[in-house]
């Protein structure tokens, strides 16, 4: 039976300085569940970004939902080099699943 997960990224607070030239961060968030990945827009030059994103929707079998954690990675966008990871969290969705 297909399960559905909806995720909304609202804001970040007190992020570390990642761009030394401007003492700010160009932050965005990657949300991954299974083989599906979504990204927010880049919130430029802010240590307290506000995304108020759309709802990101994932659909997968209930068995997969039990096996796959929701991955959320906070990233710093860099134009001329590789993007830098600021932090990440893995959320176990099992406590949120409804019993059959």
C-alpha atoms as a PDB file:
ATOM      1  CA  UNK A   1       0.000   0.000   0.000  1.00  0.00           C
ATOM      2  CA  UNK A   2       1.473   3.396  -0.902  1.00  0.00           C
ATOM      3  CA  UNK A   3       2.348   5.708   1.950  1.00  0.00           C
ATOM      4  CA  UNK A   4       2.616   9.470   1.650  1.00  0.00           C
ATOM      5  CA  UNK A   5       4.907  11.909   3.436  1.00  0.00           C
ATOM      6  CA  UNK A   6       4.669  15.697   3.155  1.00  0.00           C
ATOM      7  CA  UNK A   7       7.537  17.971   4.240  1.00  0.00           C
ATOM      8  CA  UNK A   8       7.640  21.772   4.427  1.00  0.00           C
ATOM      9  CA  UNK A   9      10.876  23.666   5.114  1.00  0.00           C
ATOM     10  CA  UNK A  10      10.104  26.908   6.941  1.00  0.00           C
ATOM     11  CA  UNK A  11      13.272  28.578   8.255  1.00  0.00           C
ATOM     12  CA  UNK A  12      16.720  28.265   9.769  1.00  0.00           C
ATOM     13  CA  UNK A  13      18.167  30.228  12.690  1.00  0.00           C
ATOM     14  CA  UNK A  14      21.640  31.239  13.792  1.00  0.00           C
ATOM     15  CA  UNK A  15      23.479  29.426  11.001  1.00  0.00           C
ATOM     16  CA  UNK A  16      27.271  29.472  11.055  1.00  0.00           C
ATOM     17  CA  UNK A  17      29.158  31.875   8.789  1.00  0.00           C
ATOM     18  CA  UNK A  18      30.197  29.904   5.708  1.00  0.00           C
ATOM     19  CA  UNK A  19      31.194  32.763   3.380  1.00  0.00           C
ATOM     20  CA  UNK A  20      34.021  34.666   5.074  1.00  0.00           C
ATOM     21  CA  UNK A  21      33.989  37.530   2.556  1.00  0.00           C
ATOM     22  CA  UNK A  22      30.430  38.538   3.485  1.00  0.00           C
ATOM     23  CA  UNK A  23      30.131  36.937   6.964  1.00  0.00           C
ATOM     24  CA  UNK A  24      26.946  35.213   5.802  1.00  0.00           C
ATOM     25  CA  UNK A  25      25.707  31.940   4.336  1.00  0.00           C
ATOM     26  CA  UNK A  26      23.920  31.086   1.075  1.00  0.00           C
ATOM     27  CA  UNK A  27      21.794  28.294   2.516  1.00  0.00           C
ATOM     28  CA  UNK A  28      19.489  25.754   0.961  1.00  0.00           C
ATOM     29  CA  UNK A  29      18.017  22.450   2.112  1.00  0.00           C
ATOM     30  CA  UNK A  30      18.020  19.037   0.424  1.00  0.00           C
ATOM     31  CA  UNK A  31      15.239  16.663   1.467  1.00  0.00           C
ATOM     32  CA  UNK A  32      15.634  12.993   0.488  1.00  0.00           C
ATOM     33  CA  UNK A  33      13.457   9.951   1.011  1.00  0.00           C
ATOM     34  CA  UNK A  34      14.237   6.779  -0.896  1.00  0.00           C
ATOM     35  CA  UNK A  35      15.329   7.685  -4.416  1.00  0.00           C
ATOM     36  CA  UNK A  36      13.554  11.057  -4.451  1.00  0.00           C
ATOM     37  CA  UNK A  37      15.348  14.300  -3.589  1.00  0.00           C
ATOM     38  CA  UNK A  38      13.985  17.849  -3.439  1.00  0.00           C
ATOM     39  CA  UNK A  39      15.870  21.128  -2.924  1.00  0.00           C
ATOM     40  CA  UNK A  40      14.679  24.477  -1.635  1.00  0.00           C
ATOM     41  CA  UNK A  41      15.696  27.722  -3.274  1.00  0.00           C
ATOM     42  CA  UNK A  42      18.993  29.239  -2.122  1.00  0.00           C
ATOM     43  CA  UNK A  43      18.449  31.920   0.525  1.00  0.00           C
ATOM     44  CA  UNK A  44      21.382  34.223  -0.150  1.00  0.00           C
ATOM     45  CA  UNK A  45      23.469  36.130   2.384  1.00  0.00           C
ATOM     46  CA  UNK A  46      21.528  35.248   5.528  1.00  0.00           C
ATOM     47  CA  UNK A  47      22.284  33.528   8.817  1.00  0.00           C
ATOM     48  CA  UNK A  48      18.528  33.275   9.500  1.00  0.00           C
ATOM     49  CA  UNK A  49      17.054  32.075   6.182  1.00  0.00           C
ATOM     50  CA  UNK A  50      13.301  32.017   5.562  1.00  0.00           C
ATOM     51  CA  UNK A  51      12.170  29.530   2.929  1.00  0.00           C
ATOM     52  CA  UNK A  52       8.476  28.973   3.680  1.00  0.00           C
ATOM     53  CA  UNK A  53       8.707  26.350   0.960  1.00  0.00           C
ATOM     54  CA  UNK A  54       5.991  24.540  -0.862  1.00  0.00           C
ATOM     55  CA  UNK A  55       5.023  21.116   0.484  1.00  0.00           C
ATOM     56  CA  UNK A  56       7.376  18.444  -0.830  1.00  0.00           C
ATOM     57  CA  UNK A  57       5.507  15.164  -1.350  1.00  0.00           C
ATOM     58  CA  UNK A  58       6.960  11.675  -1.243  1.00  0.00           C
ATOM     59  CA  UNK A  59       5.076   8.475  -2.112  1.00  0.00           C
ATOM     60  CA  UNK A  60       6.438   5.011  -1.483  1.00  0.00           C
ATOM     61  CA  UNK A  61       5.327   1.613  -0.205  1.00  0.00           C
ATOM     62  CA  UNK A  62       4.741   1.344   3.534  1.00  0.00           C
ATOM     63  CA  UNK A  63       7.518  -1.260   3.783  1.00  0.00           C
ATOM     64  CA  UNK A  64       9.972   1.210   2.240  1.00  0.00           C
ATOM     65  CA  UNK A  65       8.828   3.936   4.638  1.00  0.00           C
ATOM     66  CA  UNK A  66       9.727   1.641   7.529  1.00  0.00           C
ATOM     67  CA  UNK A  67      13.217   1.053   6.133  1.00  0.00           C
ATOM     68  CA  UNK A  68      14.137   4.515   4.852  1.00  0.00           C
ATOM     69  CA  UNK A  69      14.847   7.513   7.096  1.00  0.00           C
ATOM     70  CA  UNK A  70      13.944  10.999   5.901  1.00  0.00           C
ATOM     71  CA  UNK A  71      17.235  12.811   5.245  1.00  0.00           C
ATOM     72  CA  UNK A  72      17.461  16.587   5.602  1.00  0.00           C
ATOM     73  CA  UNK A  73      20.755  18.283   4.685  1.00  0.00           C
ATOM     74  CA  UNK A  74      21.475  21.965   5.193  1.00  0.00           C
ATOM     75  CA  UNK A  75      23.929  23.179   2.564  1.00  0.00           C
ATOM     76  CA  UNK A  76      25.861  26.343   1.706  1.00  0.00           C
ATOM     77  CA  UNK A  77      25.748  27.185  -2.003  1.00  0.00           C
ATOM     78  CA  UNK A  78      29.089  28.100  -3.585  1.00  0.00           C
ATOM     79  CA  UNK A  79      29.264  29.447  -7.133  1.00  0.00           C
ATOM     80  CA  UNK A  80      32.873  28.583  -7.942  1.00  0.00           C
ATOM     81  CA  UNK A  81      33.528  25.546  -5.757  1.00  0.00           C
ATOM     82  CA  UNK A  82      31.722  22.549  -4.300  1.00  0.00           C
ATOM     83  CA  UNK A  83      28.781  23.287  -2.029  1.00  0.00           C
ATOM     84  CA  UNK A  84      29.531  22.856   1.679  1.00  0.00           C
ATOM     85  CA  UNK A  85      27.496  20.780   4.114  1.00  0.00           C
ATOM     86  CA  UNK A  86      26.415  22.739   7.193  1.00  0.00           C
ATOM     87  CA  UNK A  87      24.536  19.910   8.876  1.00  0.00           C
ATOM     88  CA  UNK A  88      22.225  16.964   8.381  1.00  0.00           C
ATOM     89  CA  UNK A  89      19.634  14.959  10.241  1.00  0.00           C
ATOM     90  CA  UNK A  90      18.057  11.554   9.652  1.00  0.00           C
ATOM     91  CA  UNK A  91      14.460  11.149  10.829  1.00  0.00           C
ATOM     92  CA  UNK A  92      13.049   7.689  11.498  1.00  0.00           C
ATOM     93  CA  UNK A  93       9.464   7.736  10.202  1.00  0.00           C
ATOM     94  CA  UNK A  94       8.334   4.576  12.031  1.00  0.00           C
ATOM     95  CA  UNK A  95       6.832   6.433  15.025  1.00  0.00           C
ATOM     96  CA  UNK A  96       4.686   8.438  12.578  1.00  0.00           C
ATOM     97  CA  UNK A  97       3.267   5.484  10.632  1.00  0.00           C
ATOM     98  CA  UNK A  98      -0.340   4.553  11.306  1.00  0.00           C
ATOM     99  CA  UNK A  99      -0.931   0.927  12.310  1.00  0.00           C
ATOM    100  CA  UNK A 100      -2.589  -1.262   9.624  1.00  0.00           C
END
